[in-house]
C-alpha atoms as a PDB file:
ATOM      1  CA  UNK A   1     -14.447   8.022  -3.175  1.00  0.00           C
ATOM      2  CA  UNK A   2     -13.188  10.481  -5.757  1.00  0.00           C
ATOM      3  CA  UNK A   3     -15.728  12.124  -7.925  1.00  0.00           C
ATOM      4  CA  UNK A   4     -14.012  13.378 -11.021  1.00  0.00           C
ATOM      5  CA  UNK A   5     -10.848  14.416 -12.760  1.00  0.00           C
ATOM      6  CA  UNK A   6      -9.796  17.128 -10.320  1.00  0.00           C
ATOM      7  CA  UNK A   7      -9.959  14.988  -7.159  1.00  0.00           C
ATOM      8  CA  UNK A   8      -8.069  12.262  -9.039  1.00  0.00           C
ATOM      9  CA  UNK A   9      -5.321  14.706 -10.061  1.00  0.00           C
ATOM     10  CA  UNK A  10      -5.076  16.110  -6.537  1.00  0.00           C
ATOM     11  CA  UNK A  11      -4.947  12.583  -5.090  1.00  0.00           C
ATOM     12  CA  UNK A  12      -2.095  11.608  -7.417  1.00  0.00           C
ATOM     13  CA  UNK A  13      -0.173  14.763  -6.559  1.00  0.00           C
ATOM     14  CA  UNK A  14      -0.666  14.080  -2.845  1.00  0.00           C
ATOM     15  CA  UNK A  15       0.564  10.508  -3.332  1.00  0.00           C
ATOM     16  CA  UNK A  16       3.754  11.708  -5.005  1.00  0.00           C
ATOM     17  CA  UNK A  17       4.468  14.339  -2.340  1.00  0.00           C
ATOM     18  CA  UNK A  18       3.771  11.999   0.574  1.00  0.00           C
ATOM     19  CA  UNK A  19       5.816   9.198  -0.993  1.00  0.00           C
ATOM     20  CA  UNK A  20       8.799  11.570  -0.939  1.00  0.00           C
ATOM     21  CA  UNK A  21       8.090  13.163   2.451  1.00  0.00           C
ATOM     22  CA  UNK A  22       7.294  10.122   4.627  1.00  0.00           C
ATOM     23  CA  UNK A  23      10.798   8.586   4.309  1.00  0.00           C
ATOM     24  CA  UNK A  24      12.223  11.937   5.477  1.00  0.00           C
ATOM     25  CA  UNK A  25      10.374  11.731   8.797  1.00  0.00           C
ATOM     26  CA  UNK A  26      12.754  11.480  11.709  1.00  0.00           C
ATOM     27  CA  UNK A  27      10.368   9.371  13.777  1.00  0.00           C
ATOM     28  CA  UNK A  28      12.049   6.007  14.483  1.00  0.00           C
ATOM     29  CA  UNK A  29       8.634   4.334  14.665  1.00  0.00           C
ATOM     30  CA  UNK A  30       8.007   4.875  10.969  1.00  0.00           C
ATOM     31  CA  UNK A  31       9.335   1.878   9.079  1.00  0.00           C
ATOM     32  CA  UNK A  32       9.755   1.299   5.370  1.00  0.00           C
ATOM     33  CA  UNK A  33       6.490   2.776   4.076  1.00  0.00           C
ATOM     34  CA  UNK A  34       5.145   2.700   0.540  1.00  0.00           C
ATOM     35  CA  UNK A  35       2.234   4.997  -0.272  1.00  0.00           C
ATOM     36  CA  UNK A  36       0.063   2.876  -2.558  1.00  0.00           C
ATOM     37  CA  UNK A  37      -2.723   5.340  -3.270  1.00  0.00           C
ATOM     38  CA  UNK A  38      -4.577   8.384  -2.006  1.00  0.00           C
ATOM     39  CA  UNK A  39      -8.312   8.982  -2.228  1.00  0.00           C
ATOM     40  CA  UNK A  40      -9.642  12.533  -1.976  1.00  0.00           C
ATOM     41  CA  UNK A  41     -13.286  13.437  -1.387  1.00  0.00           C
ATOM     42  CA  UNK A  42     -15.135  15.334  -4.075  1.00  0.00           C
ATOM     43  CA  UNK A  43     -15.020  18.565  -2.013  1.00  0.00           C
ATOM     44  CA  UNK A  44     -11.232  18.117  -1.456  1.00  0.00           C
ATOM     45  CA  UNK A  45     -11.667  18.364   2.325  1.00  0.00           C
ATOM     46  CA  UNK A  46     -10.451  14.872   3.254  1.00  0.00           C
ATOM     47  CA  UNK A  47      -7.673  12.633   1.963  1.00  0.00           C
ATOM     48  CA  UNK A  48      -7.264   8.973   2.869  1.00  0.00           C
ATOM     49  CA  UNK A  49      -3.686   7.799   2.403  1.00  0.00           C
ATOM     50  CA  UNK A  50      -3.295   4.058   1.827  1.00  0.00           C
ATOM     51  CA  UNK A  51       0.118   2.625   2.600  1.00  0.00           C
ATOM     52  CA  UNK A  52       1.992  -0.626   3.085  1.00  0.00           C
ATOM     53  CA  UNK A  53       4.812  -1.261   5.513  1.00  0.00           C
ATOM     54  CA  UNK A  54       7.337  -4.064   5.795  1.00  0.00           C
ATOM     55  CA  UNK A  55       7.726  -6.010   9.005  1.00  0.00           C
ATOM     56  CA  UNK A  56       5.762  -7.826  11.623  1.00  0.00           C
ATOM     57  CA  UNK A  57       2.537  -6.716  13.362  1.00  0.00           C
ATOM     58  CA  UNK A  58       4.531  -4.739  15.921  1.00  0.00           C
ATOM     59  CA  UNK A  59       6.231  -2.765  13.126  1.00  0.00           C
ATOM     60  CA  UNK A  60       2.859  -2.083  11.525  1.00  0.00           C
ATOM     61  CA  UNK A  61       1.435  -0.692  14.787  1.00  0.00           C
ATOM     62  CA  UNK A  62       4.496   1.464  15.424  1.00  0.00           C
ATOM     63  CA  UNK A  63       4.437   2.838  11.890  1.00  0.00           C
ATOM     64  CA  UNK A  64       0.738   3.658  12.218  1.00  0.00           C
ATOM     65  CA  UNK A  65       1.425   5.558  15.451  1.00  0.00           C
ATOM     66  CA  UNK A  66       4.332   7.411  13.831  1.00  0.00           C
ATOM     67  CA  UNK A  67       2.251   8.410  10.811  1.00  0.00           C
ATOM     68  CA  UNK A  68      -0.604   9.561  13.033  1.00  0.00           C
ATOM     69  CA  UNK A  69       1.756  11.762  15.032  1.00  0.00           C
ATOM     70  CA  UNK A  70       3.257  13.203  11.821  1.00  0.00           C
ATOM     71  CA  UNK A  71      -0.179  14.021  10.391  1.00  0.00           C
ATOM     72  CA  UNK A  72       0.048  17.766  11.168  1.00  0.00           C
ATOM     73  CA  UNK A  73       3.523  18.036   9.636  1.00  0.00           C
ATOM     74  CA  UNK A  74       2.519  16.116   6.494  1.00  0.00           C
ATOM     75  CA  UNK A  75      -0.622  18.219   6.114  1.00  0.00           C
ATOM     76  CA  UNK A  76       1.509  21.373   6.317  1.00  0.00           C
ATOM     77  CA  UNK A  77       3.852  20.008   3.638  1.00  0.00           C
ATOM     78  CA  UNK A  78       0.871  19.355   1.368  1.00  0.00           C
ATOM     79  CA  UNK A  79      -0.431  22.857   2.074  1.00  0.00           C
ATOM     80  CA  UNK A  80       2.880  24.412   1.024  1.00  0.00           C
ATOM     81  CA  UNK A  81       3.282  22.373  -2.146  1.00  0.00           C
ATOM     82  CA  UNK A  82      -0.282  22.195  -3.475  1.00  0.00           C
ATOM     83  CA  UNK A  83      -2.374  25.305  -4.086  1.00  0.00           C
ATOM     84  CA  UNK A  84      -5.838  24.649  -2.687  1.00  0.00           C
ATOM     85  CA  UNK A  85      -8.302  26.848  -0.868  1.00  0.00           C
ATOM     86  CA  UNK A  86      -8.321  24.372   2.034  1.00  0.00           C
ATOM     87  CA  UNK A  87      -5.705  21.774   2.895  1.00  0.00           C
ATOM     88  CA  UNK A  88      -7.562  18.504   3.423  1.00  0.00           C
ATOM     89  CA  UNK A  89      -7.518  16.499   6.629  1.00  0.00           C
ATOM     90  CA  UNK A  90      -5.391  13.377   6.298  1.00  0.00           C
ATOM     91  CA  UNK A  91      -6.287   9.878   7.449  1.00  0.00           C
ATOM     92  CA  UNK A  92      -3.965   6.896   7.171  1.00  0.00           C
ATOM     93  CA  UNK A  93      -5.191   3.408   6.310  1.00  0.00           C
ATOM     94  CA  UNK A  94      -2.972   0.392   5.874  1.00  0.00           C
ATOM     95  CA  UNK A  95      -3.508  -1.127   2.452  1.00  0.00           C
ATOM     96  CA  UNK A  96      -4.049  -4.784   3.261  1.00  0.00           C
ATOM     97  CA  UNK A  97      -4.769  -5.741  -0.334  1.00  0.00           C
ATOM     98  CA  UNK A  98      -1.132  -6.542  -1.073  1.00  0.00           C
ATOM     99  CA  UNK A  99      -0.760  -8.600   2.087  1.00  0.00           C
ATOM    100  CA  UNK A 100      -3.833 -10.620   1.150  1.00  0.00           C
ATOM    101  CA  UNK A 101      -2.487 -11.231  -2.362  1.00  0.00           C
ATOM    102  CA  UNK A 102       0.831 -12.419  -0.919  1.00  0.00           C
ATOM    103  CA  UNK A 103      -0.968 -14.740   1.503  1.00  0.00           C
ATOM    104  CA  UNK A 104      -3.130 -16.247  -1.245  1.00  0.00           C
ATOM    105  CA  UNK A 105      -0.049 -16.700  -3.443  1.00  0.00           C
ATOM    106  CA  UNK A 106       1.747 -18.468  -0.595  1.00  0.00           C
ATOM    107  CA  UNK A 107      -1.247 -20.746   0.019  1.00  0.00           C
ATOM    108  CA  UNK A 108      -1.473 -21.581  -3.683  1.00  0.00           C
ATOM    109  CA  UNK A 109       2.224 -22.455  -3.739  1.00  0.00           C
ATOM    110  CA  UNK A 110       1.768 -24.713  -0.720  1.00  0.00           C
ATOM    111  CA  UNK A 111      -1.226 -26.440  -2.300  1.00  0.00           C
ATOM    112  CA  UNK A 112       0.617 -26.713  -5.608  1.00  0.00           C
ATOM    113  CA  UNK A 113       3.584 -28.395  -3.938  1.00  0.00           C
ATOM    114  CA  UNK A 114       1.322 -30.926  -2.258  1.00  0.00           C
ATOM    115  CA  UNK A 115      -0.736 -31.831  -5.336  1.00  0.00           C
ATOM    116  CA  UNK A 116       1.920 -31.841  -8.097  1.00  0.00           C
ATOM    117  CA  UNK A 117       2.948 -35.334  -9.177  1.00  0.00           C
ATOM    118  CA  UNK A 118       6.600 -36.281  -8.915  1.00  0.00           C
ATOM    119  CA  UNK A 119       8.656 -35.422 -12.036  1.00  0.00           C
ATOM    120  CA  UNK A 120       9.421 -39.124 -12.684  1.00  0.00           C
ATOM    121  CA  UNK A 121       5.715 -39.979 -12.748  1.00  0.00           C
ATOM    122  CA  UNK A 122       5.055 -37.209 -15.263  1.00  0.00           C
ATOM    123  CA  UNK A 123       7.842 -38.458 -17.557  1.00  0.00           C
ATOM    124  CA  UNK A 124       6.468 -42.003 -17.420  1.00  0.00           C
ATOM    125  CA  UNK A 125       3.006 -40.794 -18.420  1.00  0.00           C
ATOM    126  CA  UNK A 126       4.409 -38.834 -21.354  1.00  0.00           C
ATOM    127  CA  UNK A 127       6.289 -41.869 -22.676  1.00  0.00           C
ATOM    128  CA  UNK A 128       3.222 -44.132 -22.521  1.00  0.00           C
ATOM    129  CA  UNK A 129       1.117 -41.424 -24.195  1.00  0.00           C
ATOM    130  CA  UNK A 130       3.643 -41.175 -27.050  1.00  0.00           C
ATOM    131  CA  UNK A 131       3.497 -44.934 -27.735  1.00  0.00           C
END
């Protein structure tokens, strides 16, 4: 989405500011949020904030609602801390990439546990191979 060095620098600065500001929100719906990345359009008019949150589906929905309601406040914070002609509109998107990686890792562990031979069988094979 970004189109050069300046949008990338602005996106990184936004990520740092939002990562500090979101935990300060007093909204009880907002859980433990990690801002993973921010993408800014080339014209710096729109920023998509990708985040992860701990908890179950209910916690994810509540956090999303809390972030959406805090959008105006967070945009104002960005406007005060970053000098731009226009403060970009903010959209929040849950970063599901990490959740998918965790799920695949869990599935691989489960498959690995089912297909690994017993330790005694492995030792017996090593002894016969050494003879």
